[in-house]
PDB file of N, CA and C in Angstrom:
ATOM      1  N   MET A   1     113.919 114.665 110.461  1.00  0.00           N
ATOM      2  CA  MET A   1     113.634 116.078 110.298  1.00  0.00           C
ATOM      3  C   MET A   1     114.117 116.827 111.534  1.00  0.00           C
ATOM      4  N   ASN A   2     115.034 117.719 111.309  1.00  0.00           N
ATOM      5  CA  ASN A   2     115.615 118.475 112.402  1.00  0.00           C
ATOM      6  C   ASN A   2     115.357 119.967 112.201  1.00  0.00           C
ATOM      7  N   ASP A   3     114.227 120.300 111.608  1.00  0.00           N
ATOM      8  CA  ASP A   3     113.892 121.701 111.348  1.00  0.00           C
ATOM      9  C   ASP A   3     113.168 122.269 112.557  1.00  0.00           C
ATOM     10  N   SER A   4     113.859 123.112 113.296  1.00  0.00           N
ATOM     11  CA  SER A   4     113.264 123.688 114.510  1.00  0.00           C
ATOM     12  C   SER A   4     112.731 125.096 114.272  1.00  0.00           C
ATOM     13  N   GLY A   5     112.558 125.489 113.030  1.00  0.00           N
ATOM     14  CA  GLY A   5     112.022 126.806 112.718  1.00  0.00           C
ATOM     15  C   GLY A   5     113.117 127.789 112.375  1.00  0.00           C
ATOM     16  N   PRO A   6     112.733 129.058 112.255  1.00  0.00           N
ATOM     17  CA  PRO A   6     113.709 130.080 111.854  1.00  0.00           C
ATOM     18  C   PRO A   6     114.781 130.278 112.934  1.00  0.00           C
ATOM     19  N   THR A   7     115.961 130.631 112.487  1.00  0.00           N
ATOM     20  CA  THR A   7     117.060 130.867 113.420  1.00  0.00           C
ATOM     21  C   THR A   7     116.872 132.225 114.104  1.00  0.00           C
ATOM     22  N   ARG A   8     117.608 132.396 115.135  1.00  0.00           N
ATOM     23  CA  ARG A   8     117.564 133.674 115.873  1.00  0.00           C
ATOM     24  C   ARG A   8     117.952 134.834 114.946  1.00  0.00           C
ATOM     25  N   LEU A   9     118.935 134.625 114.102  1.00  0.00           N
ATOM     26  CA  LEU A   9     119.363 135.667 113.176  1.00  0.00           C
ATOM     27  C   LEU A   9     118.249 136.030 112.200  1.00  0.00           C
ATOM     28  N   VAL A  10     117.564 135.040 111.677  1.00  0.00           N
ATOM     29  CA  VAL A  10     116.452 135.298 110.756  1.00  0.00           C
ATOM     30  C   VAL A  10     115.365 136.110 111.459  1.00  0.00           C
ATOM     31  N   LEU A  11     115.066 135.749 112.676  1.00  0.00           N
ATOM     32  CA  LEU A  11     114.041 136.485 113.430  1.00  0.00           C
ATOM     33  C   LEU A  11     114.479 137.918 113.717  1.00  0.00           C
ATOM     34  N   LEU A  12     115.751 138.106 114.039  1.00  0.00           N
ATOM     35  CA  LEU A  12     116.248 139.456 114.290  1.00  0.00           C
ATOM     36  C   LEU A  12     116.213 140.308 113.027  1.00  0.00           C
ATOM     37  N   ARG A  13     116.536 139.715 111.892  1.00  0.00           N
ATOM     38  CA  ARG A  13     116.463 140.460 110.624  1.00  0.00           C
ATOM     39  C   ARG A  13     115.029 140.852 110.311  1.00  0.00           C
ATOM     40  N   PHE A  14     114.082 139.963 110.596  1.00  0.00           N
ATOM     41  CA  PHE A  14     112.672 140.278 110.401  1.00  0.00           C
ATOM     42  C   PHE A  14     112.271 141.448 111.299  1.00  0.00           C
ATOM     43  N   LEU A  15     112.659 141.368 112.561  1.00  0.00           N
ATOM     44  CA  LEU A  15     112.361 142.447 113.505  1.00  0.00           C
ATOM     45  C   LEU A  15     112.944 143.768 113.020  1.00  0.00           C
ATOM     46  N   GLU A  16     114.151 143.723 112.505  1.00  0.00           N
ATOM     47  CA  GLU A  16     114.798 144.925 111.993  1.00  0.00           C
ATOM     48  C   GLU A  16     113.978 145.540 110.859  1.00  0.00           C
ATOM     49  N   ARG A  17     113.512 144.722 109.927  1.00  0.00           N
ATOM     50  CA  ARG A  17     112.710 145.241 108.806  1.00  0.00           C
ATOM     51  C   ARG A  17     111.415 145.881 109.299  1.00  0.00           C
ATOM     52  N   VAL A  18     110.774 145.241 110.265  1.00  0.00           N
ATOM     53  CA  VAL A  18     109.529 145.782 110.817  1.00  0.00           C
ATOM     54  C   VAL A  18     109.792 147.120 111.494  1.00  0.00           C
ATOM     55  N   GLN A  19     110.848 147.194 112.278  1.00  0.00           N
ATOM     56  CA  GLN A  19     111.150 148.436 112.991  1.00  0.00           C
ATOM     57  C   GLN A  19     111.558 149.554 112.043  1.00  0.00           C
ATOM     58  N   LEU A  20     112.287 149.232 110.994  1.00  0.00           N
ATOM     59  CA  LEU A  20     112.651 150.256 110.006  1.00  0.00           C
ATOM     60  C   LEU A  20     111.406 150.793 109.304  1.00  0.00           C
ATOM     61  N   ARG A  21     110.484 149.901 108.982  1.00  0.00           N
ATOM     62  CA  ARG A  21     109.233 150.339 108.358  1.00  0.00           C
ATOM     63  C   ARG A  21     108.462 151.260 109.298  1.00  0.00           C
ATOM     64  N   ASP A  22     108.396 150.883 110.576  1.00  0.00           N
ATOM     65  CA  ASP A  22     107.705 151.721 111.557  1.00  0.00           C
ATOM     66  C   ASP A  22     108.397 153.066 111.734  1.00  0.00           C
ATOM     67  N   LEU A  23     109.724 153.064 111.727  1.00  0.00           N
ATOM     68  CA  LEU A  23     110.476 154.309 111.858  1.00  0.00           C
ATOM     69  C   LEU A  23     110.204 155.242 110.686  1.00  0.00           C
ATOM     70  N   GLU A  24     110.178 154.708 109.475  1.00  0.00           N
ATOM     71  CA  GLU A  24     109.883 155.534 108.305  1.00  0.00           C
ATOM     72  C   GLU A  24     108.483 156.110 108.379  1.00  0.00           C
ATOM     73  N   ARG A  25     107.523 155.325 108.840  1.00  0.00           N
ATOM     74  CA  ARG A  25     106.153 155.823 108.989  1.00  0.00           C
ATOM     75  C   ARG A  25     106.108 156.950 110.020  1.00  0.00           C
ATOM     76  N   THR A  26     106.808 156.763 111.132  1.00  0.00           N
ATOM     77  CA  THR A  26     106.847 157.793 112.170  1.00  0.00           C
ATOM     78  C   THR A  26     107.477 159.073 111.632  1.00  0.00           C
ATOM     79  N   ARG A  27     108.541 158.930 110.845  1.00  0.00           N
ATOM     80  CA  ARG A  27     109.185 160.117 110.258  1.00  0.00           C
ATOM     81  C   ARG A  27     108.252 160.829 109.289  1.00  0.00           C
ATOM     82  N   ARG A  28     107.434 160.079 108.547  1.00  0.00           N
ATOM     83  CA  ARG A  28     106.456 160.719 107.659  1.00  0.00           C
ATOM     84  C   ARG A  28     105.411 161.487 108.470  1.00  0.00           C
ATOM     85  N   TRP A  29     104.971 160.912 109.581  1.00  0.00           N
ATOM     86  CA  TRP A  29     104.012 161.601 110.447  1.00  0.00           C
ATOM     87  C   TRP A  29     104.616 162.888 111.004  1.00  0.00           C
ATOM     88  N   ILE A  30     105.868 162.829 111.422  1.00  0.00           N
ATOM     89  CA  ILE A  30     106.546 164.016 111.956  1.00  0.00           C
ATOM     90  C   ILE A  30     106.650 165.093 110.884  1.00  0.00           C
ATOM     91  N   ALA A  31     107.053 164.712 109.675  1.00  0.00           N
ATOM     92  CA  ALA A  31     107.179 165.675 108.579  1.00  0.00           C
ATOM     93  C   ALA A  31     105.827 166.308 108.269  1.00  0.00           C
ATOM     94  N   SER A  32     104.779 165.511 108.299  1.00  0.00           N
ATOM     95  CA  SER A  32     103.441 166.027 108.041  1.00  0.00           C
ATOM     96  C   SER A  32     103.031 167.043 109.112  1.00  0.00           C
ATOM     97  N   GLU A  33     103.300 166.733 110.355  1.00  0.00           N
ATOM     98  CA  GLU A  33     102.969 167.654 111.447  1.00  0.00           C
ATOM     99  C   GLU A  33     103.789 168.937 111.349  1.00  0.00           C
ATOM    100  N   GLU A  34     105.056 168.820 110.955  1.00  0.00           N
ATOM    101  CA  GLU A  34     105.890 170.006 110.798  1.00  0.00           C
ATOM    102  C   GLU A  34     105.359 170.896 109.673  1.00  0.00           C
ATOM    103  N   ARG A  35     104.932 170.283 108.570  1.00  0.00           N
ATOM    104  CA  ARG A  35     104.353 171.071 107.472  1.00  0.00           C
ATOM    105  C   ARG A  35     103.082 171.777 107.925  1.00  0.00           C
ATOM    106  N   LEU A  36     102.233 171.073 108.650  1.00  0.00           N
ATOM    107  CA  LEU A  36     100.995 171.665 109.146  1.00  0.00           C
ATOM    108  C   LEU A  36     101.277 172.830 110.084  1.00  0.00           C
ATOM    109  N   ALA A  37     102.234 172.639 110.995  1.00  0.00           N
ATOM    110  CA  ALA A  37     102.580 173.712 111.935  1.00  0.00           C
ATOM    111  C   ALA A  37     103.127 174.926 111.189  1.00  0.00           C
ATOM    112  N   ALA A  38     103.946 174.700 110.171  1.00  0.00           N
ATOM    113  CA  ALA A  38     104.499 175.815 109.395  1.00  0.00           C
ATOM    114  C   ALA A  38     103.392 176.547 108.645  1.00  0.00           C
ATOM    115  N   GLN A  39     102.446 175.816 108.099  1.00  0.00           N
ATOM    116  CA  GLN A  39     101.333 176.447 107.385  1.00  0.00           C
ATOM    117  C   GLN A  39     100.494 177.281 108.341  1.00  0.00           C
ATOM    118  N   GLN A  40     100.227 176.748 109.518  1.00  0.00           N
ATOM    119  CA  GLN A  40      99.438 177.488 110.501  1.00  0.00           C
ATOM    120  C   GLN A  40     100.187 178.731 110.949  1.00  0.00           C
ATOM    121  N   HIS A  41     101.490 178.620 111.131  1.00  0.00           N
ATOM    122  CA  HIS A  41     102.298 179.764 111.555  1.00  0.00           C
ATOM    123  C   HIS A  41     102.272 180.859 110.481  1.00  0.00           C
ATOM    124  N   ARG A  42     102.438 180.451 109.229  1.00  0.00           N
ATOM    125  CA  ARG A  42     102.387 181.426 108.140  1.00  0.00           C
ATOM    126  C   ARG A  42     101.006 182.068 108.045  1.00  0.00           C
ATOM    127  N   GLY A  43      99.962 181.306 108.307  1.00  0.00           N
ATOM    128  CA  GLY A  43      98.601 181.847 108.263  1.00  0.00           C
ATOM    129  C   GLY A  43      98.379 182.895 109.330  1.00  0.00           C
ATOM    130  N   ILE A  44      98.907 182.659 110.511  1.00  0.00           N
ATOM    131  CA  ILE A  44      98.759 183.625 111.606  1.00  0.00           C
ATOM    132  C   ILE A  44      99.543 184.896 111.296  1.00  0.00           C
ATOM    133  N   GLU A  45     100.768 184.752 110.775  1.00  0.00           N
ATOM    134  CA  GLU A  45     101.584 185.926 110.450  1.00  0.00           C
ATOM    135  C   GLU A  45     100.973 186.732 109.314  1.00  0.00           C
ATOM    136  N   GLY A  46     100.269 186.073 108.405  1.00  0.00           N
ATOM    137  CA  GLY A  46      99.716 186.749 107.236  1.00  0.00           C
ATOM    138  C   GLY A  46      98.432 187.507 107.514  1.00  0.00           C
ATOM    139  N   ARG A  47      97.878 187.328 108.681  1.00  0.00           N
ATOM    140  CA  ARG A  47      96.630 188.024 109.018  1.00  0.00           C
ATOM    141  C   ARG A  47      96.916 189.507 109.285  1.00  0.00           C
ATOM    142  N   PRO A  48      95.991 190.354 108.887  1.00  0.00           N
ATOM    143  CA  PRO A  48      96.159 191.779 109.228  1.00  0.00           C
ATOM    144  C   PRO A  48      95.980 191.970 110.737  1.00  0.00           C
ATOM    145  N   ALA A  49      96.547 193.040 111.235  1.00  0.00           N
ATOM    146  CA  ALA A  49      96.414 193.337 112.658  1.00  0.00           C
ATOM    147  C   ALA A  49      94.945 193.596 112.976  1.00  0.00           C
ATOM    148  N   PRO A  50      94.500 193.207 114.147  1.00  0.00           N
ATOM    149  CA  PRO A  50      93.099 193.470 114.497  1.00  0.00           C
ATOM    150  C   PRO A  50      92.860 194.976 114.592  1.00  0.00           C
ATOM    151  N   PRO A  51      91.690 195.414 114.203  1.00  0.00           N
ATOM    152  CA  PRO A  51      91.409 196.861 114.247  1.00  0.00           C
ATOM    153  C   PRO A  51      91.364 197.359 115.695  1.00  0.00           C
ATOM    154  N   ASP A  52      91.753 198.606 115.843  1.00  0.00           N
ATOM    155  CA  ASP A  52      91.695 199.251 117.153  1.00  0.00           C
ATOM    156  C   ASP A  52      90.348 199.962 117.250  1.00  0.00           C
ATOM    157  N   TRP A  53      89.389 199.258 117.748  1.00  0.00           N
ATOM    158  CA  TRP A  53      88.011 199.790 117.748  1.00  0.00           C
ATOM    159  C   TRP A  53      87.871 201.031 118.623  1.00  0.00           C
ATOM    160  N   SER A  54      88.737 201.226 119.564  1.00  0.00           N
ATOM    161  CA  SER A  54      88.581 202.392 120.446  1.00  0.00           C
ATOM    162  C   SER A  54      89.113 203.672 119.806  1.00  0.00           C
ATOM    163  N   ALA A  55      89.790 203.595 118.672  1.00  0.00           N
ATOM    164  CA  ALA A  55      90.385 204.783 118.044  1.00  0.00           C
ATOM    165  C   ALA A  55      89.332 205.781 117.595  1.00  0.00           C
ATOM    166  N   GLY A  56      88.187 205.311 117.138  1.00  0.00           N
ATOM    167  CA  GLY A  56      87.181 206.235 116.628  1.00  0.00           C
ATOM    168  C   GLY A  56      86.032 206.474 117.571  1.00  0.00           C
ATOM    169  N   VAL A  57      86.151 206.007 118.783  1.00  0.00           N
ATOM    170  CA  VAL A  57      85.051 206.122 119.732  1.00  0.00           C
ATOM    171  C   VAL A  57      85.318 207.303 120.662  1.00  0.00           C
ATOM    172  N   ALA A  58      84.370 208.194 120.761  1.00  0.00           N
ATOM    173  CA  ALA A  58      84.496 209.332 121.680  1.00  0.00           C
ATOM    174  C   ALA A  58      83.716 209.011 122.939  1.00  0.00           C
ATOM    175  N   TRP A  59      84.422 208.982 124.043  1.00  0.00           N
ATOM    176  CA  TRP A  59      83.742 208.698 125.332  1.00  0.00           C
ATOM    177  C   TRP A  59      83.468 209.921 126.070  1.00  0.00           C
TER     178      TRP A  59
END
């Protein structure tokens, strides 16, 4: 029996698959954060201007 385990190439291919999976997950996280930031930005822009409380006050 001369089986010394997986070859270096097999191990590198495994590493590649793991890293690609991690990269896709990271890209999903980034896309999610970008969507959240865009929603928050639109929410801030959609708010009415704050009232000018001093306009009706006579000092």
